Structures are given as C-alpha cells and as structure tokens.
Amino acid sequence: MRISIFGLGYVGAVSAACLARDGHTVIGVDPNRTKVDLINAARAPIVEAGLAEAIAAAVAAGRLRASTDVNGAMRDTQLSLLCVGTPSRANGSLDLSHVRRVCEQIGQALAEKDGYHVVVARSTMLPGTTADIVIPTLEECSGKRAGLDFGVCNNPEFLREGSAMEDYRRPPKTVIGEIDTRAGDALVELYRELDAPLLRLPLEASEMVKYADNAWHALKVCFANEIGTLCKGVGVDGHVVMDAFCRDTVLNLSPYYLKPGFAFGGSCLPKDVRALTYKGRELDLELPLLGAILPSNGRQLERAVKMVMDTGHKRIGVLGFSFKAGTDDLRESPVVELIERLIGKGYELRLYDRNVKLAALTGANRDYILNAIPHISRLMVDSVEAVLDFAQTVVVGNRAAEFAATPARLKSGQILVDLVRLGDGAPPPCPGKYQGIAW
C-alpha cells in the first residue's frame, strides 16, 4: 500500500519504519523540519532498538521518505495513520489540539482528492474522540461524508519503549475500530502478515481497549509493590511470593475475574482483604491500593441498588442470591446485601435460589440464614415462575443455568436488571426491558 503517517514521534516513526520494512511505500509527515530531515538522511528521530537500521534500509530502498507537505502526502497515498501526540493538560484531560489541527489539514486535502481514502486514528484517545472530533473535523474541512466518501478507523497501538520494533511485529492483538466495513478491510489487509488475534470492534470500544490495557499495567505495578511492601514488613521476600503468585495461570494471570459484573463476596475474598489491610495498619504501612479494594467493591453494590431504584418499581424479584452459582453459601453474598438494602427502603421482594433451601442447609449456612437473616428466609419462593409472576423488576444475581431463559420470559412492563451478563455473547435481545450493570 501507499501510506502517509502524520506525526513522526515515537509511534509514528516506529510505524513508518515497520510498514516500510514490510514492503509498503510510506511518507512520514511532520511540521518539525528536524525530524523530516533526519529521516530523509536515513537516521532515526528517536532512540529505539533496531529503529535506526530499519529506517536506513527503508530509505535506501526508496520505500520511506518524510515531508512537511500534507497535500502532497495525501495525494500520493491511499491510507493515512494519525500518530500525533495527545499529551495531558494540568487537570488530567487530553490536549487534542494536535489531533484537531492534523484533521483540519487532512480534511482540506481530502476536499481536493478524488477517490476513496482511509484515515486511521492511531493516537491514544478516549472513547468518543474519533466520533466527536476526528470525523466531524474531517467532514467539515473536506465537505465529504465519512463512511461514504472516505473511511475512518481507530487502530490503537501496543508498543513498549525499548521493544517497539518487536512489539510491532508480534503484537498481543490487532484492534480495528471501524465505521464501515470497507475501511476496516483496508486495515485487515495492511496487517495480514502479523501473527496476532484480529479484533474488529465498534469505534468507541477500540478506543477504550488501550486505556483498559494501560490502567491494568499500572494496577499490576502498584499491586506488586504493595504486596512487596507488606511482605517486607512481615519479614518475607516479596519476590519469592510474587514468583509463586505468577505461577498460577488458571486464576491469577488469566481472564478469570476480569469480566465486569457485580461485587465479589463469599467466605474468602472479603475476609482476606480485611486481614491484609489490618496487618498493614498494624505495621504503620500505607497501602492505598489494597485499602481501596473493599470500598470499590461497595461502590458496585451501590450501583446495583440505584439501578433497581431507578426502575421506579416497588415489587422486586431476585433470581439467585448465594454468592455464586452452584453453592448455597450466603455468607457475605453481595446479593444478600442488595436484598437487605431494598428491604430497608420499603420494597416488596420475592427470592428464589434452587441451592438455598432451608431443608438442605446444614451447619454454618443453616445457622446463618435462620439467625442472621431470618427475614430473608420468609421471602423465599419455590420457583422462577413464582418470582416472575410477582415482580415488576427482576434481578438476576448469579449465573445458574436455569436463569438463562429469563429475558425471553419477561412480561410486558417488566424490567430485568442483569448483574452477571446472561448468555455467552452479546446482551439478550429485549430492548427497553434489559439493563446490565456494566454493559
């Protein structure tokens, strides 16, 4: 392909070198004459392992050059990558002035260009930026329509400084956010040689992926440091502990627990987090991340309460209230806490959970329901049907298989509040009746 890259900073320079190395013809565009001259002299504008050699080879082969001429670059290429900076302002918001300016320039060039051109936002931008800023600016300055006269995609990068050349060749994933299939197909063709899962997502989802990744990376660093701080406080080698932690790829380093949903509960997680944070206080250690876990978990409970209250209904049915499907354990179940909050606010409730039956409860569970929450036992019914016949709003609290058909069984006027994401794919198709807690 013939590609123009706007912005020859870290992402732009690496992308230009790698695309040219792969056989594409690349024009790098930047208002900074020093960067342009360096690339045309076959030199790298930044320090990155392997970049200088790749630029030198690409320039020598005639596949890479740089320019300050936006119109010329747009005229001579089929696809443009926006790799301009989006730095932080003092208040934490993004400075999108470079994005606006380059979109104005590209839009003006599009106005003079015949034929279909694809504009790809590769800069890191918050969800909604491409739809609210990139596309309107391009359309206003070109007089053309995105998705019809030209294509627009979002294509986040996953390059780490120090290993960016290798990361480009072997990314963890290739994410394409698209407004039309034709534009997305052009990027699929561009990256067809890359050995990585290809994800074609809605535009805003693709923008959010990069932020989820980086927030997770930052969280991991802080988590390991706080565990290390606590380890040192009790005389344990933090590296030994985290080496053992990282050996678990079933739960610890895996997709498990990483799907948005309701609050955690049960007999282990709340108790152990409380014990860790108490030990930290006892040792006079500041552990703000560990200390924020239970309050954050509580916010998710409050969101669920508000979702139910916002339906405006007074008769509430709850399907599944043990702390997870397949157990009768109600200890520290967040759904039980949700139920108690609603009772306290005057709502009428009916509850069903196949596994929570008084006749089957023994030991601690029996004592808990009879002595700690006897008011809840009086609200239990024997079937899903009994809940659906009573309730105006139905809350699904765990993923028991018998609840999967609930969306299709809703009656006119009923609302379903889903705390677990029923089904394995997209939310169930019941517009106007269905609300997911984080989707």
Protein backbone atom coordinates (compact mmCIF):
# COMPACT_ATOMS: atom_id res chain seq x y z
CA MET A 1 0.00 0.00 0.00
CA ARG A 2 0.87 3.67 -0.22
CA ILE A 3 0.68 5.07 3.31
CA SER A 4 1.07 8.50 4.86
CA ILE A 5 1.86 8.81 8.57
CA PHE A 6 1.10 12.06 10.34
CA GLY A 7 3.34 12.64 13.34
CA LEU A 8 6.90 11.29 13.45
CA GLY A 9 7.24 10.88 17.18
CA TYR A 10 7.58 7.55 18.90
CA VAL A 11 4.56 5.74 17.43
CA GLY A 12 4.79 7.39 14.03
CA ALA A 13 8.49 6.74 13.49
CA VAL A 14 8.24 3.09 14.54
CA SER A 15 5.12 2.52 12.44
CA ALA A 16 6.74 4.14 9.42
CA ALA A 17 9.87 2.04 9.68
CA CYS A 18 7.98 -1.22 10.21
CA LEU A 19 5.48 -0.63 7.41
CA ALA A 20 8.29 0.27 5.01
CA ARG A 21 10.22 -2.80 6.13
CA ASP A 22 7.15 -4.86 5.23
CA GLY A 23 7.22 -3.55 1.66
CA HIS A 24 4.77 -0.64 1.79
CA THR A 25 5.61 2.79 0.46
CA VAL A 26 5.49 5.28 3.33
CA ILE A 27 5.53 9.07 3.54
CA GLY A 28 6.07 10.48 7.02
CA VAL A 29 4.57 13.93 7.59
CA ASP A 30 5.57 16.26 10.40
CA PRO A 31 5.79 20.06 10.80
CA ASN A 32 9.11 19.60 12.60
CA ARG A 33 11.74 20.07 9.89
CA THR A 34 14.44 18.42 12.03
CA LYS A 35 12.53 15.13 12.17
CA VAL A 36 11.83 15.26 8.46
CA ASP A 37 15.48 15.92 7.62
CA LEU A 38 16.69 13.12 9.92
CA ILE A 39 14.51 10.52 8.24
CA ASN A 40 15.41 11.70 4.75
CA ALA A 41 19.05 11.40 5.82
CA ALA A 42 18.29 7.76 6.79
CA ARG A 43 18.56 8.49 10.50
CA ALA A 44 16.12 7.81 13.33
CA PRO A 45 14.45 10.79 15.05
CA ILE A 46 14.22 8.86 18.35
CA VAL A 47 16.28 6.25 20.19
CA GLU A 48 14.76 2.78 19.91
CA ALA A 49 16.47 -0.56 19.43
CA GLY A 50 16.51 -1.57 15.77
CA LEU A 51 14.79 1.58 14.52
CA ALA A 52 17.84 3.31 13.00
CA GLU A 53 18.75 0.23 10.97
CA ALA A 54 15.17 -0.19 9.73
CA ILE A 55 14.90 3.46 8.69
CA ALA A 56 18.25 3.36 6.92
CA ALA A 57 17.25 0.24 4.97
CA ALA A 58 13.82 1.61 4.06
CA VAL A 59 15.17 4.96 2.87
CA ALA A 60 17.89 3.23 0.84
CA ALA A 61 15.24 1.01 -0.78
CA GLY A 62 13.13 4.02 -1.69
CA ARG A 63 10.17 2.93 0.41
CA LEU A 64 10.37 5.66 3.08
CA ARG A 65 10.63 9.42 2.90
CA ALA A 66 9.48 12.32 5.02
CA SER A 67 7.87 15.65 4.21
CA THR A 68 6.12 18.70 5.63
CA ASP A 69 3.71 18.75 2.67
CA VAL A 70 0.30 17.45 3.78
CA ASN A 71 -1.40 17.84 0.39
CA GLY A 72 1.37 16.03 -1.44
CA ALA A 73 1.35 13.16 1.04
CA MET A 74 -2.43 12.78 0.83
CA ARG A 75 -2.36 12.92 -2.98
CA ASP A 76 0.23 10.16 -3.23
CA THR A 77 -1.23 7.71 -0.67
CA GLN A 78 -4.31 5.56 -0.08
CA LEU A 79 -4.32 5.37 3.70
CA SER A 80 -3.24 7.77 6.45
CA LEU A 81 -2.26 6.98 10.03
CA LEU A 82 -2.71 9.71 12.65
CA CYS A 83 0.12 9.31 15.16
CA VAL A 84 0.20 12.78 16.68
CA GLY A 85 0.62 13.34 20.40
CA THR A 86 -2.26 13.61 22.89
CA PRO A 87 -0.45 14.93 25.99
CA SER A 88 -2.04 15.58 29.37
CA ARG A 89 -3.16 19.02 30.44
CA ALA A 90 -2.58 20.14 34.02
CA ASN A 91 -6.05 18.92 35.05
CA GLY A 92 -5.51 15.46 33.54
CA SER A 93 -7.60 15.99 30.42
CA LEU A 94 -6.13 15.31 26.99
CA ASP A 95 -4.75 18.09 24.84
CA LEU A 96 -6.30 17.27 21.46
CA SER A 97 -5.09 20.38 19.67
CA HIS A 98 -2.64 18.36 17.54
CA VAL A 99 -5.41 15.94 16.58
CA ARG A 100 -7.76 18.77 15.57
CA ARG A 101 -5.07 20.51 13.56
CA VAL A 102 -3.97 17.46 11.61
CA CYS A 103 -7.61 16.52 10.93
CA GLU A 104 -8.20 20.01 9.54
CA GLN A 105 -5.19 19.61 7.26
CA ILE A 106 -6.20 16.12 6.14
CA GLY A 107 -9.79 17.27 5.58
CA GLN A 108 -8.66 20.14 3.39
CA ALA A 109 -6.53 17.74 1.38
CA LEU A 110 -9.43 15.29 1.06
CA ALA A 111 -11.53 18.07 -0.45
CA GLU A 112 -9.10 18.22 -3.38
CA LYS A 113 -8.64 14.48 -3.75
CA ASP A 114 -10.62 12.12 -5.95
CA GLY A 115 -11.19 8.56 -4.88
CA TYR A 116 -11.60 6.77 -1.59
CA HIS A 117 -9.07 7.38 1.20
CA VAL A 118 -8.89 5.76 4.65
CA VAL A 119 -7.97 7.84 7.72
CA VAL A 120 -6.84 5.82 10.73
CA ALA A 121 -6.58 7.33 14.22
CA ARG A 122 -3.67 5.57 15.93
CA SER A 123 -3.12 8.18 18.64
CA THR A 124 -4.36 7.20 22.11
CA MET A 125 -7.70 8.98 22.62
CA LEU A 126 -10.63 8.49 24.99
CA PRO A 127 -13.83 6.79 23.80
CA GLY A 128 -15.90 9.13 21.66
CA THR A 129 -12.98 11.20 20.39
CA THR A 130 -12.98 9.74 16.88
CA ALA A 131 -16.75 10.15 16.56
CA ASP A 132 -16.94 13.58 18.21
CA ILE A 133 -13.75 15.27 16.97
CA VAL A 134 -11.93 13.35 14.22
CA ILE A 135 -14.91 12.59 11.98
CA PRO A 136 -16.72 15.95 12.32
CA THR A 137 -13.48 17.86 11.64
CA LEU A 138 -12.66 15.76 8.59
CA GLU A 139 -16.20 16.16 7.25
CA GLU A 140 -16.35 19.91 7.87
CA CYS A 141 -13.00 20.59 6.21
CA SER A 142 -13.49 18.23 3.29
CA GLY A 143 -17.16 18.71 2.54
CA LYS A 144 -17.39 14.92 2.27
CA ARG A 145 -19.05 12.20 4.36
CA ALA A 146 -17.23 9.65 6.47
CA GLY A 147 -18.18 6.08 5.65
CA LEU A 148 -19.23 7.09 2.15
CA ASP A 149 -16.64 9.35 0.52
CA PHE A 150 -13.77 8.35 2.82
CA GLY A 151 -13.17 5.76 5.51
CA VAL A 152 -12.32 6.22 9.18
CA CYS A 153 -10.92 3.67 11.64
CA ASN A 154 -9.40 3.65 15.07
CA ASN A 155 -6.35 1.42 15.48
CA PRO A 156 -4.67 1.58 18.91
CA GLU A 157 -1.03 0.59 19.17
CA PHE A 158 0.55 -1.67 21.78
CA LEU A 159 4.20 -0.66 21.54
CA ARG A 160 6.54 -0.62 24.53
CA GLU A 161 9.52 1.67 24.54
CA GLY A 162 12.66 -0.43 24.22
CA SER A 163 10.96 -3.29 22.39
CA ALA A 164 8.70 -1.41 19.98
CA MET A 165 10.09 -2.91 16.78
CA GLU A 166 9.50 -6.43 18.02
CA ASP A 167 6.12 -5.46 19.53
CA TYR A 168 5.00 -4.16 16.13
CA ARG A 169 5.89 -7.47 14.50
CA ARG A 170 4.28 -9.59 17.24
CA PRO A 171 1.56 -7.53 18.96
CA PRO A 172 -0.64 -9.12 21.63
CA LYS A 173 -3.63 -8.29 19.43
CA THR A 174 -4.62 -6.16 16.46
CA VAL A 175 -7.64 -3.97 17.23
CA ILE A 176 -9.61 -2.26 14.48
CA GLY A 177 -12.48 0.06 15.32
CA GLU A 178 -14.46 0.86 12.20
CA ILE A 179 -17.45 2.85 11.00
CA ASP A 180 -17.66 0.98 7.71
CA THR A 181 -16.52 -2.43 6.55
CA ARG A 182 -14.59 -1.09 3.57
CA ALA A 183 -12.26 0.96 5.76
CA GLY A 184 -11.81 -1.93 8.17
CA ASP A 185 -10.96 -4.27 5.32
CA ALA A 186 -8.13 -1.96 4.27
CA LEU A 187 -6.54 -2.27 7.72
CA VAL A 188 -7.05 -6.03 7.75
CA GLU A 189 -5.09 -6.19 4.51
CA LEU A 190 -2.41 -3.87 5.90
CA TYR A 191 -1.80 -6.13 8.91
CA ARG A 192 -2.44 -9.53 7.32
CA GLU A 193 1.16 -10.69 7.88
CA LEU A 194 1.09 -10.00 11.62
CA ASP A 195 0.83 -13.01 13.90
CA ALA A 196 -1.82 -11.76 16.32
CA PRO A 197 -5.53 -12.14 17.09
CA LEU A 198 -7.56 -9.70 14.97
CA LEU A 199 -10.43 -7.91 16.72
CA ARG A 200 -12.88 -5.77 14.73
CA LEU A 201 -14.78 -3.69 17.28
CA PRO A 202 -17.16 -0.74 17.45
CA LEU A 203 -15.29 2.55 17.31
CA GLU A 204 -15.65 3.53 20.99
CA ALA A 205 -14.75 0.03 22.21
CA SER A 206 -11.50 0.10 20.23
CA GLU A 207 -10.59 3.46 21.78
CA MET A 208 -11.25 2.12 25.28
CA VAL A 209 -9.14 -1.02 24.82
CA LYS A 210 -5.86 0.88 25.06
CA TYR A 211 -6.93 2.61 28.27
CA ALA A 212 -8.04 -0.67 29.83
CA ASP A 213 -4.65 -2.16 28.95
CA ASN A 214 -2.61 0.68 30.39
CA ALA A 215 -4.71 1.02 33.54
CA TRP A 216 -4.25 -2.73 34.12
CA HIS A 217 -0.49 -2.46 33.63
CA ALA A 218 -0.33 0.42 36.10
CA LEU A 219 -2.50 -1.51 38.55
CA LYS A 220 -0.24 -4.56 38.34
CA VAL A 221 2.84 -2.50 39.16
CA CYS A 222 1.16 -0.93 42.19
CA PHE A 223 -0.29 -4.25 43.35
CA ALA A 224 3.10 -5.96 43.23
CA ASN A 225 4.71 -3.05 45.04
CA GLU A 226 2.13 -3.02 47.83
CA ILE A 227 2.36 -6.79 48.29
CA GLY A 228 6.15 -6.34 48.39
CA THR A 229 5.81 -3.58 50.97
CA LEU A 230 3.65 -5.79 53.18
CA CYS A 231 5.99 -8.75 52.67
CA LYS A 232 8.97 -6.70 53.78
CA GLY A 233 7.02 -5.55 56.81
CA VAL A 234 6.46 -9.15 57.94
CA GLY A 235 9.95 -10.33 57.00
CA VAL A 236 9.07 -12.18 53.80
CA ASP A 237 10.84 -11.90 50.42
CA GLY A 238 8.29 -10.25 48.12
CA HIS A 239 9.92 -11.71 45.01
CA VAL A 240 9.50 -15.24 46.35
CA VAL A 241 5.80 -14.56 46.99
CA MET A 242 5.13 -12.96 43.60
CA ASP A 243 7.11 -15.64 41.76
CA ALA A 244 4.72 -18.18 43.29
CA PHE A 245 1.76 -15.89 42.51
CA CYS A 246 2.75 -15.71 38.83
CA ARG A 247 2.93 -19.49 38.50
CA ASP A 248 -0.86 -19.58 38.69
CA THR A 249 -2.13 -19.03 35.14
CA VAL A 250 -5.56 -20.52 35.89
CA LEU A 251 -6.80 -17.71 38.17
CA ASN A 252 -4.07 -15.11 38.79
CA LEU A 253 -2.67 -14.39 35.32
CA SER A 254 -5.68 -15.27 33.21
CA PRO A 255 -9.02 -13.88 32.01
CA TYR A 256 -10.66 -15.20 35.19
CA TYR A 257 -12.19 -12.46 37.36
CA LEU A 258 -11.62 -9.91 34.58
CA LYS A 259 -15.16 -9.56 33.26
CA PRO A 260 -17.20 -6.61 34.54
CA GLY A 261 -20.09 -7.64 36.76
CA PHE A 262 -21.36 -7.45 40.30
CA ALA A 263 -19.43 -7.15 43.55
CA PHE A 264 -17.41 -10.06 44.93
CA GLY A 265 -18.39 -11.84 48.12
CA GLY A 266 -18.11 -15.20 49.84
CA SER A 267 -16.19 -16.51 52.78
CA CYS A 268 -12.66 -15.82 51.47
CA LEU A 269 -12.10 -12.63 49.48
CA PRO A 270 -13.66 -10.03 51.84
CA LYS A 271 -12.17 -11.67 54.93
CA ASP A 272 -8.66 -11.95 53.49
CA VAL A 273 -8.58 -8.43 52.10
CA ARG A 274 -9.68 -7.10 55.50
CA ALA A 275 -6.95 -9.12 57.21
CA LEU A 276 -4.24 -7.82 54.86
CA THR A 277 -5.24 -4.20 55.23
CA TYR A 278 -5.49 -4.59 59.03
CA LYS A 279 -1.97 -6.03 59.11
CA GLY A 280 -0.75 -3.09 57.06
CA ARG A 281 -2.27 -0.63 59.54
CA GLU A 282 -0.74 -2.60 62.40
CA LEU A 283 2.69 -2.17 60.78
CA ASP A 284 2.03 1.53 60.03
CA LEU A 285 2.26 0.85 56.28
CA GLU A 286 0.43 2.91 53.69
CA LEU A 287 -1.27 0.52 51.26
CA PRO A 288 -3.73 2.72 49.35
CA LEU A 289 -4.42 0.23 46.56
CA LEU A 290 -5.20 -2.71 48.84
CA GLY A 291 -7.13 -0.36 51.09
CA ALA A 292 -9.32 0.73 48.17
CA ILE A 293 -10.46 -2.79 47.21
CA LEU A 294 -13.37 -3.15 49.65
CA PRO A 295 -14.62 0.44 49.18
CA SER A 296 -14.51 -0.06 45.40
CA ASN A 297 -16.43 -3.31 45.80
CA GLY A 298 -19.00 -1.43 47.84
CA ARG A 299 -19.49 1.10 45.06
CA GLN A 300 -20.59 -1.72 42.75
CA LEU A 301 -23.24 -2.74 45.27
CA GLU A 302 -24.47 0.84 45.44
CA ARG A 303 -24.70 0.94 41.64
CA ALA A 304 -26.92 -2.13 41.68
CA VAL A 305 -29.20 -0.63 44.35
CA LYS A 306 -29.54 2.54 42.29
CA MET A 307 -30.33 0.57 39.13
CA VAL A 308 -33.19 -1.17 40.89
CA MET A 309 -34.48 2.04 42.45
CA ASP A 310 -34.30 3.88 39.11
CA THR A 311 -36.79 1.44 37.56
CA GLY A 312 -39.50 3.04 39.70
CA HIS A 313 -40.94 -0.35 40.62
CA LYS A 314 -41.77 -1.49 44.14
CA ARG A 315 -42.16 -5.25 43.59
CA ILE A 316 -38.71 -6.78 43.10
CA GLY A 317 -37.85 -10.39 42.34
CA VAL A 318 -34.35 -11.81 42.82
CA LEU A 319 -33.13 -14.92 40.99
CA GLY A 320 -30.00 -16.32 42.63
CA PHE A 321 -28.73 -14.87 45.88
CA SER A 322 -25.99 -17.21 47.05
CA PHE A 323 -22.64 -15.52 46.46
CA LYS A 324 -22.17 -17.52 43.25
CA ALA A 325 -23.99 -20.19 41.27
CA GLY A 326 -23.60 -23.78 42.37
CA THR A 327 -23.31 -23.03 46.10
CA ASP A 328 -25.71 -22.45 48.98
CA ASP A 329 -23.27 -20.16 50.78
CA LEU A 330 -24.85 -16.82 51.70
CA ARG A 331 -22.00 -15.52 53.84
CA GLU A 332 -21.02 -12.06 52.63
CA SER A 333 -23.09 -12.51 49.49
CA PRO A 334 -23.38 -9.09 47.84
CA VAL A 335 -26.82 -10.09 46.57
CA VAL A 336 -27.97 -10.65 50.16
CA GLU A 337 -26.68 -7.17 50.99
CA LEU A 338 -28.60 -5.82 47.97
CA ILE A 339 -31.75 -7.57 49.23
CA GLU A 340 -31.35 -6.12 52.73
CA ARG A 341 -30.84 -2.62 51.35
CA LEU A 342 -34.04 -2.92 49.32
CA ILE A 343 -36.00 -4.30 52.28
CA GLY A 344 -34.77 -1.38 54.34
CA LYS A 345 -36.05 1.05 51.71
CA GLY A 346 -39.54 -0.45 51.77
CA TYR A 347 -39.52 -2.61 48.65
CA GLU A 348 -41.53 -5.83 48.41
CA LEU A 349 -39.36 -8.80 47.44
CA ARG A 350 -39.59 -12.43 46.38
CA LEU A 351 -36.44 -14.54 46.20
CA TYR A 352 -35.52 -17.79 44.52
CA ASP A 353 -32.35 -19.87 44.54
CA ARG A 354 -32.52 -23.61 43.96
CA ASN A 355 -29.45 -24.21 46.14
CA VAL A 356 -30.65 -22.16 49.07
CA LYS A 357 -33.35 -24.32 50.60
CA LEU A 358 -33.88 -24.49 54.34
CA ALA A 359 -34.27 -28.25 54.27
CA ALA A 360 -30.88 -28.69 52.63
CA LEU A 361 -28.96 -26.16 54.70
CA THR A 362 -26.81 -27.56 57.44
CA GLY A 363 -24.19 -26.30 59.86
CA ALA A 364 -22.99 -22.73 59.47
CA ASN A 365 -25.24 -22.00 56.49
CA ARG A 366 -28.38 -23.10 58.35
CA ASP A 367 -27.43 -21.06 61.41
CA TYR A 368 -26.68 -18.05 59.24
CA ILE A 369 -30.00 -17.96 57.43
CA LEU A 370 -32.09 -18.77 60.50
CA ASN A 371 -30.33 -16.44 62.90
CA ALA A 372 -28.56 -13.70 60.89
CA ILE A 373 -31.07 -13.15 58.08
CA PRO A 374 -34.39 -14.78 59.10
CA HIS A 375 -36.35 -12.02 57.38
CA ILE A 376 -34.89 -13.15 54.05
CA SER A 377 -35.98 -16.77 54.53
CA ARG A 378 -39.60 -15.62 54.74
CA LEU A 379 -39.35 -14.06 51.27
CA MET A 380 -38.16 -17.22 49.51
CA VAL A 381 -40.37 -18.90 46.91
CA ASP A 382 -40.10 -22.29 45.22
CA SER A 383 -39.67 -21.43 41.52
CA VAL A 384 -38.58 -18.96 38.90
CA GLU A 385 -42.22 -18.73 37.85
CA ALA A 386 -43.27 -17.51 41.28
CA VAL A 387 -40.72 -14.69 41.07
CA LEU A 388 -41.73 -13.71 37.54
CA ASP A 389 -45.44 -13.74 38.45
CA PHE A 390 -44.80 -11.35 41.35
CA ALA A 391 -42.09 -8.97 40.24
CA GLN A 392 -42.16 -5.75 38.24
CA THR A 393 -38.34 -5.70 38.23
CA VAL A 394 -36.37 -8.94 38.13
CA VAL A 395 -32.76 -9.01 39.36
CA VAL A 396 -30.50 -11.88 38.27
CA GLY A 397 -27.83 -12.33 40.92
CA ASN A 398 -25.87 -15.39 39.77
CA ARG A 399 -25.28 -17.42 36.63
CA ALA A 400 -27.29 -20.54 37.45
CA ALA A 401 -28.19 -22.24 34.17
CA GLU A 402 -31.94 -22.08 34.83
CA PHE A 403 -31.85 -18.26 34.69
CA ALA A 404 -30.52 -18.10 31.11
CA ALA A 405 -34.01 -18.03 29.57
CA THR A 406 -35.25 -15.25 31.85
CA PRO A 407 -35.07 -12.41 29.25
CA ALA A 408 -37.38 -14.29 26.90
CA ARG A 409 -39.87 -14.90 29.73
CA LEU A 410 -40.35 -11.28 30.74
CA LYS A 411 -43.91 -9.99 30.64
CA SER A 412 -44.97 -6.62 29.28
CA GLY A 413 -43.71 -3.83 31.51
CA GLN A 414 -41.20 -5.97 33.41
CA ILE A 415 -37.56 -4.87 33.64
CA LEU A 416 -34.59 -7.19 34.00
CA VAL A 417 -31.53 -5.99 35.94
CA ASP A 418 -28.68 -8.35 35.00
CA LEU A 419 -25.74 -8.40 37.41
CA VAL A 420 -23.95 -11.35 35.76
CA ARG A 421 -24.33 -10.95 31.96
CA LEU A 422 -26.65 -13.77 30.99
CA GLY A 423 -25.56 -15.73 27.94
CA ASP A 424 -22.11 -16.08 26.45
CA GLY A 425 -22.08 -13.24 23.93
CA ALA A 426 -24.00 -10.02 23.41
CA PRO A 427 -26.63 -8.97 25.95
CA PRO A 428 -30.02 -10.65 25.45
CA PRO A 429 -32.28 -9.00 22.85
CA CYS A 430 -35.06 -7.38 24.88
CA PRO A 431 -34.79 -3.62 24.19
CA GLY A 432 -36.32 -1.36 26.82
CA LYS A 433 -36.58 -4.18 29.35
CA TYR A 434 -32.97 -5.17 29.90
CA GLN A 435 -30.28 -3.38 31.92
CA GLY A 436 -26.76 -4.70 32.52
CA ILE A 437 -24.69 -3.38 35.41
CA ALA A 438 -21.56 -2.68 33.31
CA TRP A 439 -22.66 -3.09 29.68
